[in-house]
Amino acid sequence: MADFNLQVPRQAATLRLLVENKLRSAIAAGHFKPGQRLIERELCEQIGVGRTSIREALRQLEAEGLVTTIPHRGPEVSSITYDEARQLYQVRALLEGFAGRAFAENGSEDDIAELGEAVEHFAAAAADSNDRSALIEAKSHFYAVLMDGAGNMFVKQMLTLLHNRITLLRVTSMTQPGRLSGSVAELGEIYDAIRARDGERACAACQRHIETAAQVALTVLKASDKQASPRR
């Protein structure tokens, strides 16, 4: 029986992941706006890679809900409706509340220390609010540590999908007046509850954080819909 070659081209896979991350970050930071076409030729020139890498990255982002392919038009940045956002935040509040409780009750001391560092990192990024990419990266890191500390891979998978969709709104909500300082305080409350091993308080703090973020984001979405409606 002939040997089966199981080796994969590591460099190509690494390049694809780099392109995915670059495009994901650009969408999260608002560089590419909802509804904006993502033209392969232009992306190749901007990122400096071939069309194969761009197409593979776009397929992955489409699976995450960040990109939508429109017939006879091609891929574009996904838009999110008011009702979709409301439902996403409702489910996210439930899951992150569970994650906060599980972290407080089961997370290791090393996990808790890492969460504290993530809060400090986000606070530092918030102090320089002009750097949107740093803000998104710091907030995403906090959530990644929170999900890992909860120790439930299924909750992590579901929250990752929700976070990818809500990424489209995160910069908009975080940059509203007063929201950044509020977000820093809320993450601090989550950390304090987890450090105290208070599962109920951690759950409530996580849910309160998501509910506040939802209120801000939904208000912005509703205002945007009203502004766009006369042009329809």
C-alpha atoms as a PDB file:
ATOM      1  CA  MET A   1       0.000   0.000   0.000  1.00  0.00           C
ATOM      2  CA  ALA A   2       1.435   3.363  -1.029  1.00  0.00           C
ATOM      3  CA  ASP A   3       2.291   5.853   1.688  1.00  0.00           C
ATOM      4  CA  PHE A   4      -0.295   8.594   2.154  1.00  0.00           C
ATOM      5  CA  ASN A   5       1.174  12.072   2.384  1.00  0.00           C
ATOM      6  CA  LEU A   6      -0.411  13.838   5.359  1.00  0.00           C
ATOM      7  CA  GLN A   7       1.861  16.855   5.275  1.00  0.00           C
ATOM      8  CA  VAL A   8       0.267  20.251   4.730  1.00  0.00           C
ATOM      9  CA  PRO A   9       1.855  23.464   3.439  1.00  0.00           C
ATOM     10  CA  ARG A  10       2.346  25.307   6.716  1.00  0.00           C
ATOM     11  CA  GLN A  11       3.304  28.574   5.100  1.00  0.00           C
ATOM     12  CA  ALA A  12       0.100  28.742   3.043  1.00  0.00           C
ATOM     13  CA  ALA A  13      -2.058  28.010   6.088  1.00  0.00           C
ATOM     14  CA  THR A  14      -0.233  30.642   8.104  1.00  0.00           C
ATOM     15  CA  LEU A  15      -0.677  33.184   5.319  1.00  0.00           C
ATOM     16  CA  ARG A  16      -4.397  32.428   5.103  1.00  0.00           C
ATOM     17  CA  LEU A  17      -4.800  32.953   8.850  1.00  0.00           C
ATOM     18  CA  LEU A  18      -2.880  36.211   8.665  1.00  0.00           C
ATOM     19  CA  VAL A  19      -5.170  37.454   5.892  1.00  0.00           C
ATOM     20  CA  GLU A  20      -8.265  36.354   7.846  1.00  0.00           C
ATOM     21  CA  ASN A  21      -7.090  38.179  10.951  1.00  0.00           C
ATOM     22  CA  LYS A  22      -6.196  41.303   9.000  1.00  0.00           C
ATOM     23  CA  LEU A  23      -9.599  41.478   7.302  1.00  0.00           C
ATOM     24  CA  ARG A  24     -11.431  40.631  10.527  1.00  0.00           C
ATOM     25  CA  SER A  25      -9.599  43.417  12.350  1.00  0.00           C
ATOM     26  CA  ALA A  26     -10.276  45.881   9.527  1.00  0.00           C
ATOM     27  CA  ILE A  27     -14.004  45.128   9.680  1.00  0.00           C
ATOM     28  CA  ALA A  28     -14.048  45.334  13.477  1.00  0.00           C
ATOM     29  CA  ALA A  29     -12.240  48.681  13.430  1.00  0.00           C
ATOM     30  CA  GLY A  30     -14.691  50.105  10.891  1.00  0.00           C
ATOM     31  CA  HIS A  31     -12.158  50.368   8.063  1.00  0.00           C
ATOM     32  CA  PHE A  32     -14.625  48.392   5.946  1.00  0.00           C
ATOM     33  CA  LYS A  33     -18.200  49.518   6.572  1.00  0.00           C
ATOM     34  CA  PRO A  34     -21.368  47.374   6.613  1.00  0.00           C
ATOM     35  CA  GLY A  35     -22.612  46.982   3.050  1.00  0.00           C
ATOM     36  CA  GLN A  36     -19.239  47.884   1.532  1.00  0.00           C
ATOM     37  CA  ARG A  37     -18.141  45.653  -1.336  1.00  0.00           C
ATOM     38  CA  LEU A  38     -14.970  43.645  -0.820  1.00  0.00           C
ATOM     39  CA  ILE A  39     -13.370  43.556  -4.254  1.00  0.00           C
ATOM     40  CA  GLU A  40     -10.761  40.819  -4.580  1.00  0.00           C
ATOM     41  CA  ARG A  41      -8.434  42.774  -6.860  1.00  0.00           C
ATOM     42  CA  GLU A  42      -8.354  45.740  -4.489  1.00  0.00           C
ATOM     43  CA  LEU A  43      -7.840  43.526  -1.448  1.00  0.00           C
ATOM     44  CA  CYS A  44      -4.949  41.760  -3.179  1.00  0.00           C
ATOM     45  CA  GLU A  45      -3.280  45.114  -3.789  1.00  0.00           C
ATOM     46  CA  GLN A  46      -3.954  46.436  -0.289  1.00  0.00           C
ATOM     47  CA  ILE A  47      -2.836  43.315   1.587  1.00  0.00           C
ATOM     48  CA  GLY A  48      -0.164  42.165  -0.843  1.00  0.00           C
ATOM     49  CA  VAL A  49      -1.290  38.563  -1.351  1.00  0.00           C
ATOM     50  CA  GLY A  50      -2.792  36.485  -4.155  1.00  0.00           C
ATOM     51  CA  ARG A  51      -6.459  35.913  -4.905  1.00  0.00           C
ATOM     52  CA  THR A  52      -6.454  32.388  -3.487  1.00  0.00           C
ATOM     53  CA  SER A  53      -5.580  33.660  -0.007  1.00  0.00           C
ATOM     54  CA  ILE A  54      -8.184  36.420  -0.270  1.00  0.00           C
ATOM     55  CA  ARG A  55     -10.914  34.025  -1.386  1.00  0.00           C
ATOM     56  CA  GLU A  56     -10.163  31.529   1.389  1.00  0.00           C
ATOM     57  CA  ALA A  57     -10.185  34.295   3.987  1.00  0.00           C
ATOM     58  CA  LEU A  58     -13.478  35.696   2.684  1.00  0.00           C
ATOM     59  CA  ARG A  59     -15.061  32.239   2.825  1.00  0.00           C
ATOM     60  CA  GLN A  60     -14.058  31.917   6.476  1.00  0.00           C
ATOM     61  CA  LEU A  61     -15.380  35.374   7.331  1.00  0.00           C
ATOM     62  CA  GLU A  62     -18.621  34.525   5.544  1.00  0.00           C
ATOM     63  CA  ALA A  63     -18.947  31.426   7.751  1.00  0.00           C
ATOM     64  CA  GLU A  64     -18.509  33.714  10.774  1.00  0.00           C
ATOM     65  CA  GLY A  65     -21.223  36.068   9.559  1.00  0.00           C
ATOM     66  CA  LEU A  66     -18.908  39.015   8.946  1.00  0.00           C
ATOM     67  CA  VAL A  67     -19.150  38.806   5.150  1.00  0.00           C
ATOM     68  CA  THR A  68     -22.151  38.171   2.905  1.00  0.00           C
ATOM     69  CA  THR A  69     -21.918  37.129  -0.737  1.00  0.00           C
ATOM     70  CA  ILE A  70     -24.564  38.827  -2.880  1.00  0.00           C
ATOM     71  CA  PRO A  71     -25.469  37.209  -6.241  1.00  0.00           C
ATOM     72  CA  HIS A  72     -24.108  39.177  -9.223  1.00  0.00           C
ATOM     73  CA  ARG A  73     -22.385  41.562  -6.814  1.00  0.00           C
ATOM     74  CA  GLY A  74     -19.905  39.519  -4.810  1.00  0.00           C
ATOM     75  CA  PRO A  75     -18.816  39.656  -1.166  1.00  0.00           C
ATOM     76  CA  GLU A  76     -19.555  42.623   1.044  1.00  0.00           C
ATOM     77  CA  VAL A  77     -19.348  43.418   4.740  1.00  0.00           C
ATOM     78  CA  SER A  78     -22.441  42.058   6.453  1.00  0.00           C
ATOM     79  CA  SER A  79     -25.012  44.414   7.888  1.00  0.00           C
ATOM     80  CA  ILE A  80     -26.930  43.687  11.060  1.00  0.00           C
ATOM     81  CA  THR A  81     -30.535  44.666  11.673  1.00  0.00           C
ATOM     82  CA  TYR A  82     -32.000  46.009  14.884  1.00  0.00           C
ATOM     83  CA  ASP A  83     -33.886  42.770  15.584  1.00  0.00           C
ATOM     84  CA  GLU A  84     -30.834  40.613  14.842  1.00  0.00           C
ATOM     85  CA  ALA A  85     -28.704  42.688  17.198  1.00  0.00           C
ATOM     86  CA  ARG A  86     -31.343  42.585  19.938  1.00  0.00           C
ATOM     87  CA  GLN A  87     -31.573  38.807  19.740  1.00  0.00           C
ATOM     88  CA  LEU A  88     -27.792  38.377  19.623  1.00  0.00           C
ATOM     89  CA  TYR A  89     -27.328  40.468  22.747  1.00  0.00           C
ATOM     90  CA  GLN A  90     -30.068  38.552  24.574  1.00  0.00           C
ATOM     91  CA  VAL A  91     -28.377  35.215  23.936  1.00  0.00           C
ATOM     92  CA  ARG A  92     -24.945  36.647  24.637  1.00  0.00           C
ATOM     93  CA  ALA A  93     -26.054  37.960  28.041  1.00  0.00           C
ATOM     94  CA  LEU A  94     -27.246  34.495  29.033  1.00  0.00           C
ATOM     95  CA  LEU A  95     -24.077  32.746  27.871  1.00  0.00           C
ATOM     96  CA  GLU A  96     -21.645  35.275  29.324  1.00  0.00           C
ATOM     97  CA  GLY A  97     -23.527  35.233  32.604  1.00  0.00           C
ATOM     98  CA  PHE A  98     -22.997  31.471  32.670  1.00  0.00           C
ATOM     99  CA  ALA A  99     -19.326  31.939  31.750  1.00  0.00           C
ATOM    100  CA  GLY A 100     -18.798  34.463  34.545  1.00  0.00           C
ATOM    101  CA  ARG A 101     -20.343  32.159  37.130  1.00  0.00           C
ATOM    102  CA  ALA A 102     -18.379  29.133  35.895  1.00  0.00           C
ATOM    103  CA  PHE A 103     -15.131  31.112  35.929  1.00  0.00           C
ATOM    104  CA  ALA A 104     -15.712  32.308  39.499  1.00  0.00           C
ATOM    105  CA  GLU A 105     -16.500  28.813  40.705  1.00  0.00           C
ATOM    106  CA  ASN A 106     -13.986  26.766  38.709  1.00  0.00           C
ATOM    107  CA  GLY A 107     -11.274  29.022  37.264  1.00  0.00           C
ATOM    108  CA  SER A 108      -7.687  28.625  38.425  1.00  0.00           C
ATOM    109  CA  GLU A 109      -5.701  31.316  40.206  1.00  0.00           C
ATOM    110  CA  ASP A 110      -3.589  31.702  37.071  1.00  0.00           C
ATOM    111  CA  ASP A 111      -6.756  32.235  35.018  1.00  0.00           C
ATOM    112  CA  ILE A 112      -7.914  34.923  37.434  1.00  0.00           C
ATOM    113  CA  ALA A 113      -4.538  36.663  37.315  1.00  0.00           C
ATOM    114  CA  GLU A 114      -4.664  36.641  33.511  1.00  0.00           C
ATOM    115  CA  LEU A 115      -8.154  38.146  33.608  1.00  0.00           C
ATOM    116  CA  GLY A 116      -6.880  40.959  35.814  1.00  0.00           C
ATOM    117  CA  GLU A 117      -4.105  41.654  33.318  1.00  0.00           C
ATOM    118  CA  ALA A 118      -6.672  41.694  30.506  1.00  0.00           C
ATOM    119  CA  VAL A 119      -8.709  44.328  32.366  1.00  0.00           C
ATOM    120  CA  GLU A 120      -5.587  46.469  32.817  1.00  0.00           C
ATOM    121  CA  HIS A 121      -4.736  46.047  29.137  1.00  0.00           C
ATOM    122  CA  PHE A 122      -8.191  47.216  28.091  1.00  0.00           C
ATOM    123  CA  ALA A 123      -8.049  50.178  30.473  1.00  0.00           C
ATOM    124  CA  ALA A 124      -4.730  51.209  28.905  1.00  0.00           C
ATOM    125  CA  ALA A 125      -6.203  50.896  25.403  1.00  0.00           C
ATOM    126  CA  ALA A 126      -9.241  52.926  26.473  1.00  0.00           C
ATOM    127  CA  ALA A 127      -6.941  55.738  27.598  1.00  0.00           C
ATOM    128  CA  ASP A 128      -5.916  56.095  23.940  1.00  0.00           C
ATOM    129  CA  SER A 129      -9.361  55.769  22.400  1.00  0.00           C
ATOM    130  CA  ASN A 130      -8.169  56.957  18.981  1.00  0.00           C
ATOM    131  CA  ASP A 131      -6.592  53.558  18.320  1.00  0.00           C
ATOM    132  CA  ARG A 132      -9.674  51.528  17.440  1.00  0.00           C
ATOM    133  CA  SER A 133      -7.721  48.415  16.515  1.00  0.00           C
ATOM    134  CA  ALA A 134      -6.057  48.344  19.930  1.00  0.00           C
ATOM    135  CA  LEU A 135      -9.444  48.765  21.609  1.00  0.00           C
ATOM    136  CA  ILE A 136     -10.966  45.855  19.722  1.00  0.00           C
ATOM    137  CA  GLU A 137      -7.918  43.673  20.311  1.00  0.00           C
ATOM    138  CA  ALA A 138      -7.902  44.404  24.053  1.00  0.00           C
ATOM    139  CA  LYS A 139     -11.641  43.796  24.435  1.00  0.00           C
ATOM    140  CA  SER A 140     -11.454  40.582  22.412  1.00  0.00           C
ATOM    141  CA  HIS A 141      -8.577  39.388  24.594  1.00  0.00           C
ATOM    142  CA  PHE A 142     -10.630  39.978  27.742  1.00  0.00           C
ATOM    143  CA  TYR A 143     -13.484  37.892  26.357  1.00  0.00           C
ATOM    144  CA  ALA A 144     -11.081  35.150  25.260  1.00  0.00           C
ATOM    145  CA  VAL A 145      -9.652  34.902  28.785  1.00  0.00           C
ATOM    146  CA  LEU A 146     -13.170  34.920  30.250  1.00  0.00           C
ATOM    147  CA  MET A 147     -14.283  32.083  27.978  1.00  0.00           C
ATOM    148  CA  ASP A 148     -11.162  30.019  28.637  1.00  0.00           C
ATOM    149  CA  GLY A 149     -11.513  30.474  32.387  1.00  0.00           C
ATOM    150  CA  ALA A 150     -15.116  29.267  32.272  1.00  0.00           C
ATOM    151  CA  GLY A 151     -13.838  25.903  31.070  1.00  0.00           C
ATOM    152  CA  ASN A 152     -16.787  25.016  28.823  1.00  0.00           C
ATOM    153  CA  MET A 153     -15.817  24.485  25.198  1.00  0.00           C
ATOM    154  CA  PHE A 154     -19.402  24.551  23.909  1.00  0.00           C
ATOM    155  CA  VAL A 155     -20.141  27.892  25.539  1.00  0.00           C
ATOM    156  CA  LYS A 156     -16.853  29.166  24.109  1.00  0.00           C
ATOM    157  CA  GLN A 157     -17.800  28.046  20.591  1.00  0.00           C
ATOM    158  CA  MET A 158     -21.221  29.694  20.778  1.00  0.00           C
ATOM    159  CA  LEU A 159     -19.887  32.917  22.267  1.00  0.00           C
ATOM    160  CA  THR A 160     -17.149  33.111  19.637  1.00  0.00           C
ATOM    161  CA  LEU A 161     -19.789  33.045  16.896  1.00  0.00           C
ATOM    162  CA  LEU A 162     -21.835  35.714  18.676  1.00  0.00           C
ATOM    163  CA  HIS A 163     -18.769  37.897  19.233  1.00  0.00           C
ATOM    164  CA  ASN A 164     -17.885  37.695  15.552  1.00  0.00           C
ATOM    165  CA  ARG A 165     -21.323  38.987  14.598  1.00  0.00           C
ATOM    166  CA  ILE A 166     -21.389  41.678  17.277  1.00  0.00           C
ATOM    167  CA  THR A 167     -17.936  42.841  16.187  1.00  0.00           C
ATOM    168  CA  LEU A 168     -19.804  44.871  13.564  1.00  0.00           C
ATOM    169  CA  LEU A 169     -21.305  46.972  16.380  1.00  0.00           C
ATOM    170  CA  ARG A 170     -18.565  46.957  18.991  1.00  0.00           C
ATOM    171  CA  VAL A 171     -16.592  49.996  17.855  1.00  0.00           C
ATOM    172  CA  THR A 172     -19.790  51.962  17.319  1.00  0.00           C
ATOM    173  CA  SER A 173     -21.023  51.272  20.837  1.00  0.00           C
ATOM    174  CA  MET A 174     -17.657  51.654  22.593  1.00  0.00           C
ATOM    175  CA  THR A 175     -16.964  55.051  21.049  1.00  0.00           C
ATOM    176  CA  GLN A 176     -20.224  56.626  22.192  1.00  0.00           C
ATOM    177  CA  PRO A 177     -19.735  59.398  24.792  1.00  0.00           C
ATOM    178  CA  GLY A 178     -19.016  57.932  28.221  1.00  0.00           C
ATOM    179  CA  ARG A 179     -19.206  54.328  27.073  1.00  0.00           C
ATOM    180  CA  LEU A 180     -15.494  53.541  27.256  1.00  0.00           C
ATOM    181  CA  SER A 181     -15.122  54.574  30.890  1.00  0.00           C
ATOM    182  CA  GLY A 182     -18.292  52.666  31.710  1.00  0.00           C
ATOM    183  CA  SER A 183     -16.982  49.582  29.952  1.00  0.00           C
ATOM    184  CA  VAL A 184     -13.697  49.727  31.877  1.00  0.00           C
ATOM    185  CA  ALA A 185     -15.620  49.937  35.158  1.00  0.00           C
ATOM    186  CA  GLU A 186     -17.895  47.041  34.173  1.00  0.00           C
ATOM    187  CA  LEU A 187     -14.974  44.765  33.288  1.00  0.00           C
ATOM    188  CA  GLY A 188     -13.439  45.665  36.626  1.00  0.00           C
ATOM    189  CA  GLU A 189     -16.644  44.605  38.388  1.00  0.00           C
ATOM    190  CA  ILE A 190     -16.596  41.273  36.558  1.00  0.00           C
ATOM    191  CA  TYR A 191     -12.990  40.699  37.582  1.00  0.00           C
ATOM    192  CA  ASP A 192     -13.636  41.659  41.214  1.00  0.00           C
ATOM    193  CA  ALA A 193     -16.556  39.226  41.443  1.00  0.00           C
ATOM    194  CA  ILE A 194     -14.564  36.392  39.881  1.00  0.00           C
ATOM    195  CA  ARG A 195     -11.562  37.081  42.101  1.00  0.00           C
ATOM    196  CA  ALA A 196     -13.904  36.908  45.121  1.00  0.00           C
ATOM    197  CA  ARG A 197     -15.197  33.532  43.847  1.00  0.00           C
ATOM    198  CA  ASP A 198     -18.731  34.939  43.916  1.00  0.00           C
ATOM    199  CA  GLY A 199     -20.504  33.128  41.086  1.00  0.00           C
ATOM    200  CA  GLU A 200     -23.825  34.936  41.409  1.00  0.00           C
ATOM    201  CA  ARG A 201     -22.205  38.361  41.446  1.00  0.00           C
ATOM    202  CA  ALA A 202     -19.981  37.446  38.487  1.00  0.00           C
ATOM    203  CA  CYS A 203     -23.012  36.268  36.515  1.00  0.00           C
ATOM    204  CA  ALA A 204     -24.909  39.470  37.296  1.00  0.00           C
ATOM    205  CA  ALA A 205     -21.901  41.659  36.420  1.00  0.00           C
ATOM    206  CA  CYS A 206     -21.442  39.920  33.061  1.00  0.00           C
ATOM    207  CA  GLN A 207     -25.113  40.244  32.199  1.00  0.00           C
ATOM    208  CA  ARG A 208     -25.221  43.883  33.290  1.00  0.00           C
ATOM    209  CA  HIS A 209     -22.216  44.637  31.071  1.00  0.00           C
ATOM    210  CA  ILE A 210     -23.863  43.048  28.025  1.00  0.00           C
ATOM    211  CA  GLU A 211     -27.236  44.664  28.690  1.00  0.00           C
ATOM    212  CA  THR A 212     -25.623  48.104  28.930  1.00  0.00           C
ATOM    213  CA  ALA A 213     -23.643  47.534  25.734  1.00  0.00           C
ATOM    214  CA  ALA A 214     -26.824  46.341  24.025  1.00  0.00           C
ATOM    215  CA  GLN A 215     -28.732  49.447  25.050  1.00  0.00           C
ATOM    216  CA  VAL A 216     -26.054  51.704  23.557  1.00  0.00           C
ATOM    217  CA  ALA A 217     -25.655  49.687  20.355  1.00  0.00           C
ATOM    218  CA  LEU A 218     -29.393  49.350  19.755  1.00  0.00           C
ATOM    219  CA  THR A 219     -29.900  53.080  20.262  1.00  0.00           C
ATOM    220  CA  VAL A 220     -27.245  53.778  17.620  1.00  0.00           C
ATOM    221  CA  LEU A 221     -28.783  51.216  15.255  1.00  0.00           C
ATOM    222  CA  LYS A 222     -32.253  52.688  15.628  1.00  0.00           C
ATOM    223  CA  ALA A 223     -30.934  56.187  14.924  1.00  0.00           C
ATOM    224  CA  SER A 224     -29.065  54.917  11.850  1.00  0.00           C
ATOM    225  CA  ASP A 225     -32.200  53.220  10.541  1.00  0.00           C
ATOM    226  CA  LYS A 226     -34.177  56.447  10.911  1.00  0.00           C
ATOM    227  CA  GLN A 227     -31.516  58.410   9.026  1.00  0.00           C
ATOM    228  CA  ALA A 228     -31.399  55.843   6.226  1.00  0.00           C
ATOM    229  CA  SER A 229     -35.169  55.405   5.813  1.00  0.00           C
ATOM    230  CA  PRO A 230     -35.821  58.648   3.833  1.00  0.00           C
ATOM    231  CA  ARG A 231     -33.314  57.510   1.204  1.00  0.00           C
ATOM    232  CA  ARG A 232     -34.992  54.143   0.669  1.00  0.00           C
END
